[in-house]
Amino acid sequence: MVEATAGNARFFRRSGPYPLAIVAGVAGGIADERDLIFEGVAPLQTAGPNEVSFLDNRRYASALGRTLAGAVIVHPDMAGRVPVRTVAIVTTDPYAAWARVAALFYPVPPASPGIHPSAIVAEGAIVDPSAEIGPLSVIEAGAEIGPNSRIGPCALIGSGVIVGRDCRIGAHVSLSHAILGARVCVYPGARVG
């Protein structure tokens, strides 16, 4: 049986470990100087001493007092409630800080540049050379695929659609009449436009 934890290695590439100073820096927060190393992220209720957690909703403040996390990202108003054994990483936007720290430990894999031989890219479509176009995808005329973007298998990118840089378009996605900015993720099977 596969253990169901945050960022299961079977599905997510993991990086690290990272020292507290790096984690706090990525979070954009302030923390006491301690010589600690962290290996990942986890919810307050299950985090261990080598993991980082966060609290952004006061309704879960009771879980903060019981956490075994090595560090917790919190708003300044909650810093005094962090257990003594746990380092508070203090920031005014804990949710955004949590997202950045989670991305540090579980980075999005880079695109593998190129167009799969089974993909159809219409004449007049613009595909950045650093983009990845998956098998059986269709990129219609006038569509633009930005740098480092990944188009999953069997996706349809309609005429005139713009996909910005560093986007992730999942398998079986259909995009029409849409302009996507940078770092947009469209999950498998979605229909946009």
N, C-alpha and C. Protein backbone atom coordinates (compact mmCIF):
# COMPACT_ATOMS: atom_id res chain seq x y z
N MET A 1 0.84 -1.18 0.00
CA MET A 1 0.00 0.00 0.00
C MET A 1 0.89 1.25 0.00
N VAL A 2 0.53 2.23 -0.80
CA VAL A 2 1.29 3.48 -0.91
C VAL A 2 0.81 4.43 0.17
N GLU A 3 1.75 5.01 0.91
CA GLU A 3 1.40 5.95 1.98
C GLU A 3 0.83 7.22 1.37
N ALA A 4 -0.29 7.67 1.89
CA ALA A 4 -0.96 8.86 1.37
C ALA A 4 -0.50 10.09 2.14
N THR A 5 0.57 10.70 1.70
CA THR A 5 1.08 11.90 2.34
C THR A 5 1.12 13.03 1.33
N ALA A 6 1.36 14.23 1.82
CA ALA A 6 1.49 15.37 0.92
C ALA A 6 2.65 15.13 -0.03
N GLY A 7 2.40 15.33 -1.31
CA GLY A 7 3.47 15.21 -2.28
C GLY A 7 4.02 13.81 -2.42
N ASN A 8 3.17 12.79 -2.47
CA ASN A 8 3.61 11.41 -2.61
C ASN A 8 4.62 11.29 -3.76
N ALA A 9 5.79 10.73 -3.47
CA ALA A 9 6.88 10.63 -4.44
C ALA A 9 6.49 9.86 -5.69
N ARG A 10 5.48 9.04 -5.59
CA ARG A 10 5.02 8.29 -6.76
C ARG A 10 4.48 9.24 -7.84
N PHE A 11 3.92 10.38 -7.41
CA PHE A 11 3.29 11.30 -8.34
C PHE A 11 3.97 12.67 -8.43
N PHE A 12 4.73 13.04 -7.41
CA PHE A 12 5.30 14.38 -7.37
C PHE A 12 6.80 14.31 -7.13
N ARG A 13 7.54 15.03 -8.00
CA ARG A 13 8.98 15.15 -7.82
C ARG A 13 9.24 16.03 -6.61
N ARG A 14 10.16 15.61 -5.77
CA ARG A 14 10.43 16.32 -4.53
C ARG A 14 11.84 16.90 -4.58
N SER A 15 12.03 18.07 -3.97
CA SER A 15 13.37 18.64 -3.85
C SER A 15 13.65 18.92 -2.38
N GLY A 16 14.86 19.25 -2.09
CA GLY A 16 15.24 19.52 -0.70
C GLY A 16 16.16 18.43 -0.21
N PRO A 17 16.50 18.42 1.05
CA PRO A 17 16.00 19.28 2.13
C PRO A 17 16.55 20.70 2.05
N TYR A 18 15.88 21.60 2.80
CA TYR A 18 16.26 23.00 2.83
C TYR A 18 16.39 23.50 4.26
N PRO A 19 17.37 24.39 4.49
CA PRO A 19 17.49 24.99 5.83
C PRO A 19 16.38 26.01 6.08
N LEU A 20 16.13 26.28 7.35
CA LEU A 20 15.10 27.23 7.76
C LEU A 20 15.25 28.57 7.04
N ALA A 21 16.47 29.07 6.90
CA ALA A 21 16.68 30.38 6.28
C ALA A 21 16.15 30.42 4.85
N ILE A 22 16.36 29.35 4.10
CA ILE A 22 15.86 29.28 2.72
C ILE A 22 14.33 29.23 2.72
N VAL A 23 13.75 28.38 3.58
CA VAL A 23 12.30 28.25 3.65
C VAL A 23 11.65 29.58 4.01
N ALA A 24 12.18 30.25 5.03
CA ALA A 24 11.63 31.54 5.45
C ALA A 24 11.78 32.58 4.34
N GLY A 25 12.91 32.55 3.63
CA GLY A 25 13.12 33.48 2.53
C GLY A 25 12.13 33.28 1.40
N VAL A 26 11.91 32.01 1.03
CA VAL A 26 10.94 31.71 -0.02
C VAL A 26 9.53 32.12 0.42
N ALA A 27 9.22 31.92 1.69
CA ALA A 27 7.91 32.31 2.22
C ALA A 27 7.75 33.82 2.27
N GLY A 28 8.86 34.55 2.24
CA GLY A 28 8.79 35.99 2.40
C GLY A 28 8.46 36.36 3.83
N GLY A 29 8.86 35.48 4.76
CA GLY A 29 8.55 35.68 6.16
C GLY A 29 9.76 35.90 7.02
N ILE A 30 9.51 36.13 8.29
CA ILE A 30 10.57 36.35 9.28
C ILE A 30 10.51 35.21 10.28
N ALA A 31 11.68 34.63 10.59
CA ALA A 31 11.75 33.53 11.55
C ALA A 31 13.00 33.69 12.40
N ASP A 32 12.95 33.10 13.60
CA ASP A 32 14.13 33.07 14.45
C ASP A 32 15.25 32.32 13.73
N GLU A 33 16.48 32.71 14.00
CA GLU A 33 17.61 32.00 13.41
C GLU A 33 17.85 30.73 14.19
N ARG A 34 17.59 29.61 13.55
CA ARG A 34 17.86 28.30 14.14
C ARG A 34 18.46 27.42 13.06
N ASP A 35 19.27 26.47 13.49
CA ASP A 35 19.93 25.56 12.56
C ASP A 35 19.03 24.34 12.35
N LEU A 36 17.98 24.51 11.53
CA LEU A 36 17.02 23.44 11.27
C LEU A 36 16.98 23.14 9.78
N ILE A 37 16.72 21.88 9.46
CA ILE A 37 16.58 21.44 8.08
C ILE A 37 15.18 20.85 7.91
N PHE A 38 14.53 21.20 6.79
CA PHE A 38 13.17 20.72 6.52
C PHE A 38 13.15 19.88 5.25
N GLU A 39 12.35 18.83 5.29
CA GLU A 39 12.29 17.87 4.17
C GLU A 39 11.00 17.95 3.37
N GLY A 40 10.01 18.70 3.85
CA GLY A 40 8.75 18.77 3.12
C GLY A 40 7.72 19.59 3.84
N VAL A 41 6.49 19.50 3.35
CA VAL A 41 5.36 20.22 3.92
C VAL A 41 4.27 19.22 4.29
N ALA A 42 3.42 19.61 5.24
CA ALA A 42 2.32 18.75 5.68
C ALA A 42 1.30 19.59 6.43
N PRO A 43 0.06 19.09 6.55
CA PRO A 43 -0.96 19.79 7.33
C PRO A 43 -0.58 19.85 8.81
N LEU A 44 -1.12 20.83 9.52
CA LEU A 44 -0.83 21.00 10.95
C LEU A 44 -1.00 19.70 11.74
N GLN A 45 -2.06 18.96 11.45
CA GLN A 45 -2.40 17.78 12.23
C GLN A 45 -1.42 16.62 12.04
N THR A 46 -0.73 16.56 10.91
CA THR A 46 0.14 15.41 10.63
C THR A 46 1.61 15.77 10.48
N ALA A 47 1.94 17.04 10.45
CA ALA A 47 3.33 17.47 10.24
C ALA A 47 4.23 17.01 11.37
N GLY A 48 5.44 16.63 11.01
CA GLY A 48 6.45 16.24 11.98
C GLY A 48 7.51 17.30 12.12
N PRO A 49 8.53 17.06 12.95
CA PRO A 49 9.55 18.07 13.24
C PRO A 49 10.42 18.47 12.04
N ASN A 50 10.41 17.67 10.97
CA ASN A 50 11.21 18.03 9.80
C ASN A 50 10.33 18.57 8.66
N GLU A 51 9.10 18.99 9.01
CA GLU A 51 8.16 19.50 8.00
C GLU A 51 7.64 20.89 8.36
N VAL A 52 7.22 21.59 7.31
CA VAL A 52 6.67 22.94 7.45
C VAL A 52 5.16 22.86 7.24
N SER A 53 4.41 23.61 8.03
CA SER A 53 2.96 23.68 7.89
C SER A 53 2.55 25.15 7.87
N PHE A 54 1.22 25.41 7.86
CA PHE A 54 0.77 26.80 7.90
C PHE A 54 -0.61 26.89 8.53
N LEU A 55 -0.93 28.10 8.97
CA LEU A 55 -2.26 28.40 9.50
C LEU A 55 -2.69 29.73 8.91
N ASP A 56 -3.81 29.70 8.18
CA ASP A 56 -4.33 30.92 7.59
C ASP A 56 -5.77 31.17 8.04
N ASN A 57 -6.39 30.19 8.70
CA ASN A 57 -7.78 30.32 9.12
C ASN A 57 -7.85 30.12 10.63
N ARG A 58 -8.30 31.11 11.34
CA ARG A 58 -8.35 31.06 12.81
C ARG A 58 -9.20 29.90 13.35
N ARG A 59 -10.10 29.38 12.55
CA ARG A 59 -10.92 28.25 13.00
C ARG A 59 -10.06 27.02 13.33
N TYR A 60 -8.86 26.97 12.78
CA TYR A 60 -7.98 25.82 13.02
C TYR A 60 -6.90 26.14 14.05
N ALA A 61 -7.07 27.19 14.80
CA ALA A 61 -6.08 27.61 15.80
C ALA A 61 -5.83 26.53 16.84
N SER A 62 -6.83 25.73 17.18
CA SER A 62 -6.63 24.66 18.17
C SER A 62 -5.63 23.62 17.65
N ALA A 63 -5.63 23.37 16.35
CA ALA A 63 -4.66 22.43 15.77
C ALA A 63 -3.25 22.99 15.86
N LEU A 64 -3.12 24.29 15.83
CA LEU A 64 -1.80 24.92 15.95
C LEU A 64 -1.15 24.56 17.28
N GLY A 65 -1.90 24.61 18.35
CA GLY A 65 -1.36 24.31 19.67
C GLY A 65 -0.91 22.88 19.83
N ARG A 66 -1.45 21.96 19.02
CA ARG A 66 -1.10 20.53 19.12
C ARG A 66 -0.12 20.06 18.05
N THR A 67 0.26 20.95 17.12
CA THR A 67 1.09 20.51 16.00
C THR A 67 2.49 20.09 16.45
N LEU A 68 3.04 19.15 15.71
CA LEU A 68 4.43 18.72 15.93
C LEU A 68 5.34 19.23 14.81
N ALA A 69 4.79 20.11 13.96
CA ALA A 69 5.57 20.66 12.84
C ALA A 69 6.81 21.37 13.35
N GLY A 70 7.87 21.29 12.56
CA GLY A 70 9.10 22.00 12.90
C GLY A 70 8.97 23.49 12.71
N ALA A 71 8.16 23.89 11.74
CA ALA A 71 7.90 25.32 11.47
C ALA A 71 6.47 25.47 10.98
N VAL A 72 5.88 26.62 11.31
CA VAL A 72 4.52 26.93 10.86
C VAL A 72 4.52 28.36 10.33
N ILE A 73 3.96 28.51 9.14
CA ILE A 73 3.80 29.83 8.53
C ILE A 73 2.52 30.43 9.09
N VAL A 74 2.62 31.60 9.72
CA VAL A 74 1.47 32.22 10.37
C VAL A 74 1.45 33.73 10.17
N HIS A 75 0.28 34.30 10.36
CA HIS A 75 0.10 35.75 10.36
C HIS A 75 0.66 36.28 11.68
N PRO A 76 1.14 37.52 11.72
CA PRO A 76 1.67 38.08 12.97
C PRO A 76 0.71 37.96 14.15
N ASP A 77 -0.60 38.03 13.90
CA ASP A 77 -1.59 37.92 14.97
C ASP A 77 -1.57 36.55 15.66
N MET A 78 -1.09 35.53 14.97
CA MET A 78 -1.09 34.16 15.51
C MET A 78 0.29 33.70 15.98
N ALA A 79 1.31 34.51 15.78
CA ALA A 79 2.68 34.10 16.11
C ALA A 79 2.83 33.69 17.57
N GLY A 80 2.15 34.36 18.48
CA GLY A 80 2.25 34.05 19.90
C GLY A 80 1.62 32.73 20.29
N ARG A 81 0.82 32.15 19.40
CA ARG A 81 0.16 30.87 19.70
C ARG A 81 0.93 29.66 19.17
N VAL A 82 2.04 29.90 18.49
CA VAL A 82 2.86 28.81 17.95
C VAL A 82 3.58 28.12 19.12
N PRO A 83 3.53 26.78 19.21
CA PRO A 83 4.21 26.08 20.31
C PRO A 83 5.70 26.41 20.37
N VAL A 84 6.27 26.34 21.56
CA VAL A 84 7.68 26.68 21.78
C VAL A 84 8.61 25.82 20.93
N ARG A 85 8.28 24.56 20.75
CA ARG A 85 9.15 23.63 20.00
C ARG A 85 9.09 23.88 18.49
N THR A 86 8.17 24.73 18.05
CA THR A 86 7.94 24.99 16.64
C THR A 86 8.38 26.42 16.31
N VAL A 87 9.02 26.57 15.15
CA VAL A 87 9.45 27.90 14.69
C VAL A 87 8.29 28.57 13.97
N ALA A 88 8.01 29.81 14.31
CA ALA A 88 7.01 30.60 13.59
C ALA A 88 7.70 31.32 12.44
N ILE A 89 7.16 31.12 11.23
CA ILE A 89 7.59 31.91 10.08
C ILE A 89 6.46 32.92 9.87
N VAL A 90 6.74 34.16 10.21
CA VAL A 90 5.70 35.19 10.28
C VAL A 90 5.63 35.99 8.98
N THR A 91 4.41 36.07 8.44
CA THR A 91 4.18 36.82 7.21
C THR A 91 2.73 37.33 7.21
N THR A 92 2.49 38.41 6.51
CA THR A 92 1.13 38.97 6.46
C THR A 92 0.22 38.20 5.51
N ASP A 93 0.78 37.32 4.69
CA ASP A 93 -0.04 36.53 3.76
C ASP A 93 0.37 35.05 3.83
N PRO A 94 -0.05 34.35 4.88
CA PRO A 94 0.37 32.95 5.07
C PRO A 94 -0.02 32.02 3.92
N TYR A 95 -1.16 32.25 3.32
CA TYR A 95 -1.60 31.34 2.25
C TYR A 95 -0.67 31.42 1.05
N ALA A 96 -0.33 32.62 0.61
CA ALA A 96 0.60 32.79 -0.52
C ALA A 96 1.98 32.26 -0.15
N ALA A 97 2.41 32.50 1.08
CA ALA A 97 3.71 32.00 1.53
C ALA A 97 3.74 30.48 1.50
N TRP A 98 2.64 29.85 1.94
CA TRP A 98 2.51 28.38 1.92
C TRP A 98 2.64 27.86 0.48
N ALA A 99 1.98 28.53 -0.46
CA ALA A 99 2.04 28.10 -1.85
C ALA A 99 3.48 28.14 -2.37
N ARG A 100 4.22 29.19 -2.03
CA ARG A 100 5.61 29.30 -2.48
C ARG A 100 6.49 28.23 -1.84
N VAL A 101 6.27 27.95 -0.56
CA VAL A 101 7.08 26.93 0.12
C VAL A 101 6.74 25.54 -0.42
N ALA A 102 5.47 25.27 -0.65
CA ALA A 102 5.08 23.98 -1.24
C ALA A 102 5.72 23.80 -2.61
N ALA A 103 5.77 24.88 -3.41
CA ALA A 103 6.40 24.82 -4.73
C ALA A 103 7.91 24.62 -4.61
N LEU A 104 8.51 25.09 -3.54
CA LEU A 104 9.94 24.86 -3.31
C LEU A 104 10.21 23.37 -3.14
N PHE A 105 9.41 22.70 -2.32
CA PHE A 105 9.61 21.28 -2.06
C PHE A 105 9.07 20.39 -3.18
N TYR A 106 8.06 20.84 -3.89
CA TYR A 106 7.44 20.06 -4.97
C TYR A 106 7.35 20.91 -6.23
N PRO A 107 8.49 21.15 -6.88
CA PRO A 107 8.48 22.02 -8.05
C PRO A 107 7.77 21.37 -9.24
N VAL A 108 7.19 22.22 -10.08
CA VAL A 108 6.55 21.74 -11.29
C VAL A 108 7.65 21.29 -12.24
N PRO A 109 7.54 20.07 -12.78
CA PRO A 109 8.57 19.62 -13.72
C PRO A 109 8.64 20.54 -14.93
N PRO A 110 9.82 20.79 -15.44
CA PRO A 110 9.94 21.67 -16.61
C PRO A 110 9.37 21.00 -17.86
N ALA A 111 9.01 21.82 -18.82
CA ALA A 111 8.55 21.30 -20.10
C ALA A 111 9.71 20.61 -20.80
N SER A 112 9.39 19.59 -21.58
CA SER A 112 10.37 18.92 -22.44
C SER A 112 10.17 19.48 -23.84
N PRO A 113 10.99 20.43 -24.25
CA PRO A 113 10.74 21.14 -25.50
C PRO A 113 10.57 20.21 -26.70
N GLY A 114 9.60 20.57 -27.53
CA GLY A 114 9.39 19.83 -28.77
C GLY A 114 7.93 19.53 -29.02
N ILE A 115 7.67 19.12 -30.25
CA ILE A 115 6.32 18.78 -30.68
C ILE A 115 6.29 17.29 -30.96
N HIS A 116 5.42 16.57 -30.28
CA HIS A 116 5.31 15.12 -30.48
C HIS A 116 4.94 14.84 -31.94
N PRO A 117 5.50 13.79 -32.52
CA PRO A 117 5.22 13.50 -33.93
C PRO A 117 3.74 13.29 -34.26
N SER A 118 2.95 12.87 -33.29
CA SER A 118 1.52 12.65 -33.57
C SER A 118 0.67 13.91 -33.38
N ALA A 119 1.26 15.00 -32.89
CA ALA A 119 0.52 16.25 -32.70
C ALA A 119 0.30 16.93 -34.05
N ILE A 120 -0.74 17.72 -34.14
CA ILE A 120 -1.03 18.47 -35.36
C ILE A 120 -0.93 19.95 -35.02
N VAL A 121 0.01 20.61 -35.67
CA VAL A 121 0.19 22.05 -35.49
C VAL A 121 -0.08 22.70 -36.84
N ALA A 122 -1.15 23.47 -36.90
CA ALA A 122 -1.57 24.09 -38.16
C ALA A 122 -0.58 25.15 -38.61
N GLU A 123 -0.54 25.33 -39.93
CA GLU A 123 0.26 26.41 -40.48
C GLU A 123 -0.33 27.71 -39.96
N GLY A 124 0.52 28.60 -39.49
CA GLY A 124 0.05 29.87 -38.93
C GLY A 124 -0.05 29.86 -37.42
N ALA A 125 0.12 28.69 -36.81
CA ALA A 125 0.19 28.63 -35.34
C ALA A 125 1.62 28.99 -34.94
N ILE A 126 1.76 29.60 -33.77
CA ILE A 126 3.09 29.98 -33.28
C ILE A 126 3.36 29.19 -32.00
N VAL A 127 4.39 28.35 -32.05
CA VAL A 127 4.77 27.54 -30.90
C VAL A 127 6.20 27.89 -30.54
N ASP A 128 6.39 28.42 -29.33
CA ASP A 128 7.74 28.75 -28.88
C ASP A 128 8.59 27.48 -28.87
N PRO A 129 9.85 27.56 -29.28
CA PRO A 129 10.71 26.37 -29.32
C PRO A 129 10.92 25.70 -27.96
N SER A 130 10.70 26.42 -26.87
CA SER A 130 10.89 25.83 -25.54
C SER A 130 9.62 25.15 -25.02
N ALA A 131 8.53 25.24 -25.77
CA ALA A 131 7.26 24.64 -25.35
C ALA A 131 7.23 23.15 -25.65
N GLU A 132 6.37 22.44 -24.93
CA GLU A 132 6.17 21.00 -25.14
C GLU A 132 4.74 20.79 -25.63
N ILE A 133 4.61 20.12 -26.77
CA ILE A 133 3.30 19.81 -27.33
C ILE A 133 3.15 18.29 -27.27
N GLY A 134 2.18 17.82 -26.50
CA GLY A 134 2.02 16.40 -26.25
C GLY A 134 1.39 15.63 -27.40
N PRO A 135 1.40 14.30 -27.28
CA PRO A 135 0.87 13.44 -28.34
C PRO A 135 -0.60 13.70 -28.61
N LEU A 136 -0.95 13.63 -29.90
CA LEU A 136 -2.33 13.77 -30.39
C LEU A 136 -2.97 15.11 -30.08
N SER A 137 -2.19 16.11 -29.71
CA SER A 137 -2.72 17.45 -29.49
C SER A 137 -2.92 18.15 -30.82
N VAL A 138 -3.84 19.12 -30.83
CA VAL A 138 -4.12 19.90 -32.03
C VAL A 138 -3.96 21.37 -31.66
N ILE A 139 -3.11 22.06 -32.41
CA ILE A 139 -2.91 23.50 -32.24
C ILE A 139 -3.38 24.14 -33.54
N GLU A 140 -4.50 24.87 -33.48
CA GLU A 140 -5.10 25.42 -34.69
C GLU A 140 -4.39 26.69 -35.15
N ALA A 141 -4.66 27.08 -36.40
CA ALA A 141 -4.06 28.27 -37.00
C ALA A 141 -4.34 29.50 -36.15
N GLY A 142 -3.35 30.34 -35.99
CA GLY A 142 -3.51 31.58 -35.24
C GLY A 142 -3.32 31.43 -33.75
N ALA A 143 -3.21 30.20 -33.26
CA ALA A 143 -2.97 29.99 -31.82
C ALA A 143 -1.50 30.29 -31.53
N GLU A 144 -1.24 30.70 -30.28
CA GLU A 144 0.14 30.98 -29.85
C GLU A 144 0.41 30.24 -28.55
N ILE A 145 1.52 29.53 -28.51
CA ILE A 145 1.94 28.79 -27.31
C ILE A 145 3.23 29.43 -26.82
N GLY A 146 3.22 29.93 -25.58
CA GLY A 146 4.34 30.68 -25.03
C GLY A 146 5.49 29.82 -24.55
N PRO A 147 6.58 30.49 -24.18
CA PRO A 147 7.79 29.80 -23.73
C PRO A 147 7.55 28.91 -22.52
N ASN A 148 8.17 27.75 -22.52
CA ASN A 148 8.17 26.80 -21.42
C ASN A 148 6.78 26.29 -21.04
N SER A 149 5.81 26.45 -21.92
CA SER A 149 4.48 25.93 -21.64
C SER A 149 4.41 24.46 -22.04
N ARG A 150 3.51 23.74 -21.38
CA ARG A 150 3.33 22.31 -21.66
C ARG A 150 1.88 22.07 -22.03
N ILE A 151 1.68 21.51 -23.22
CA ILE A 151 0.35 21.15 -23.70
C ILE A 151 0.26 19.64 -23.60
N GLY A 152 -0.68 19.15 -22.79
CA GLY A 152 -0.81 17.72 -22.55
C GLY A 152 -1.38 16.97 -23.74
N PRO A 153 -1.40 15.63 -23.63
CA PRO A 153 -1.91 14.81 -24.72
C PRO A 153 -3.38 15.06 -25.01
N CYS A 154 -3.71 15.00 -26.29
CA CYS A 154 -5.10 15.11 -26.77
C CYS A 154 -5.75 16.46 -26.46
N ALA A 155 -4.94 17.49 -26.24
CA ALA A 155 -5.50 18.82 -25.99
C ALA A 155 -5.81 19.50 -27.32
N LEU A 156 -6.80 20.38 -27.30
CA LEU A 156 -7.15 21.17 -28.47
C LEU A 156 -7.00 22.64 -28.11
N ILE A 157 -6.12 23.31 -28.83
CA ILE A 157 -5.91 24.75 -28.63
C ILE A 157 -6.48 25.42 -29.88
N GLY A 158 -7.61 26.10 -29.71
CA GLY A 158 -8.36 26.65 -30.83
C GLY A 158 -7.70 27.84 -31.51
N SER A 159 -8.23 28.17 -32.65
CA SER A 159 -7.74 29.28 -33.46
C SER A 159 -7.78 30.58 -32.66
N GLY A 160 -6.67 31.30 -32.68
CA GLY A 160 -6.59 32.60 -32.01
C GLY A 160 -6.32 32.54 -30.52
N VAL A 161 -6.31 31.36 -29.92
CA VAL A 161 -6.06 31.23 -28.48
C VAL A 161 -4.60 31.56 -28.19
N ILE A 162 -4.37 32.28 -27.11
CA ILE A 162 -3.00 32.57 -26.68
C ILE A 162 -2.78 31.89 -25.34
N VAL A 163 -1.72 31.08 -25.27
CA VAL A 163 -1.29 30.43 -24.04
C VAL A 163 0.03 31.09 -23.67
N GLY A 164 0.06 31.77 -22.52
CA GLY A 164 1.24 32.52 -22.11
C GLY A 164 2.40 31.63 -21.70
N ARG A 165 3.41 32.24 -21.13
CA ARG A 165 4.61 31.50 -20.73
C ARG A 165 4.35 30.66 -19.48
N ASP A 166 5.06 29.53 -19.39
CA ASP A 166 5.05 28.65 -18.21
C ASP A 166 3.66 28.13 -17.85
N CYS A 167 2.80 27.94 -18.84
CA CYS A 167 1.46 27.40 -18.58
C CYS A 167 1.49 25.88 -18.62
N ARG A 168 0.53 25.26 -17.95
CA ARG A 168 0.37 23.81 -17.95
C ARG A 168 -1.07 23.52 -18.38
N ILE A 169 -1.20 22.95 -19.56
CA ILE A 169 -2.51 22.61 -20.11
C ILE A 169 -2.60 21.08 -20.08
N GLY A 170 -3.54 20.56 -19.31
CA GLY A 170 -3.64 19.12 -19.08
C GLY A 170 -4.18 18.34 -20.26
N ALA A 171 -4.20 17.02 -20.09
CA ALA A 171 -4.70 16.11 -21.12
C ALA A 171 -6.19 16.37 -21.38
N HIS A 172 -6.57 16.27 -22.65
CA HIS A 172 -7.96 16.38 -23.08
C HIS A 172 -8.60 17.74 -22.78
N VAL A 173 -7.80 18.78 -22.67
CA VAL A 173 -8.33 20.13 -22.47
C VAL A 173 -8.72 20.71 -23.82
N SER A 174 -9.79 21.49 -23.84
CA SER A 174 -10.19 22.24 -25.03
C SER A 174 -10.19 23.72 -24.67
N LEU A 175 -9.44 24.50 -25.43
CA LEU A 175 -9.40 25.95 -25.23
C LEU A 175 -9.88 26.63 -26.50
N SER A 176 -10.87 27.50 -26.37
CA SER A 176 -11.29 28.32 -27.51
C SER A 176 -11.60 29.72 -27.00
N HIS A 177 -11.43 30.71 -27.85
CA HIS A 177 -11.75 32.10 -27.51
C HIS A 177 -11.18 32.50 -26.15
N ALA A 178 -9.92 32.21 -25.93
CA ALA A 178 -9.30 32.48 -24.62
C ALA A 178 -7.90 33.04 -24.79
N ILE A 179 -7.55 33.91 -23.86
CA ILE A 179 -6.19 34.44 -23.78
C ILE A 179 -5.72 34.15 -22.36
N LEU A 180 -4.73 33.26 -22.23
CA LEU A 180 -4.21 32.88 -20.92
C LEU A 180 -2.91 33.62 -20.66
N GLY A 181 -2.76 34.15 -19.46
CA GLY A 181 -1.54 34.83 -19.07
C GLY A 181 -0.46 33.83 -18.71
N ALA A 182 0.53 34.28 -17.95
CA ALA A 182 1.65 33.43 -17.54
C ALA A 182 1.27 32.53 -16.37
N ARG A 183 1.84 31.35 -16.35
CA ARG A 183 1.73 30.37 -15.25
C ARG A 183 0.29 29.93 -14.96
N VAL A 184 -0.51 29.81 -15.99
CA VAL A 184 -1.88 29.33 -15.82
C VAL A 184 -1.89 27.81 -15.91
N CYS A 185 -2.63 27.17 -15.02
CA CYS A 185 -2.81 25.71 -15.08
C CYS A 185 -4.26 25.42 -15.42
N VAL A 186 -4.47 24.63 -16.44
CA VAL A 186 -5.81 24.17 -16.80
C VAL A 186 -5.77 22.65 -16.64
N TYR A 187 -6.59 22.15 -15.76
CA TYR A 187 -6.51 20.74 -15.38
C TYR A 187 -7.16 19.83 -16.42
N PRO A 188 -6.77 18.57 -16.45
CA PRO A 188 -7.24 17.62 -17.46
C PRO A 188 -8.76 17.61 -17.61
N GLY A 189 -9.16 17.60 -18.87
CA GLY A 189 -10.57 17.49 -19.20
C GLY A 189 -11.35 18.80 -19.19
N ALA A 190 -10.73 19.89 -18.79
CA ALA A 190 -11.45 21.17 -18.72
C ALA A 190 -11.76 21.71 -20.10
N ARG A 191 -12.83 22.48 -20.17
CA ARG A 191 -13.23 23.17 -21.39
C ARG A 191 -13.30 24.66 -21.06
N VAL A 192 -12.52 25.46 -21.77
CA VAL A 192 -12.47 26.90 -21.52
C VAL A 192 -12.77 27.62 -22.81
N GLY A 193 -13.65 28.63 -22.75
CA GLY A 193 -13.93 29.47 -23.90
C GLY A 193 -15.32 29.33 -24.41
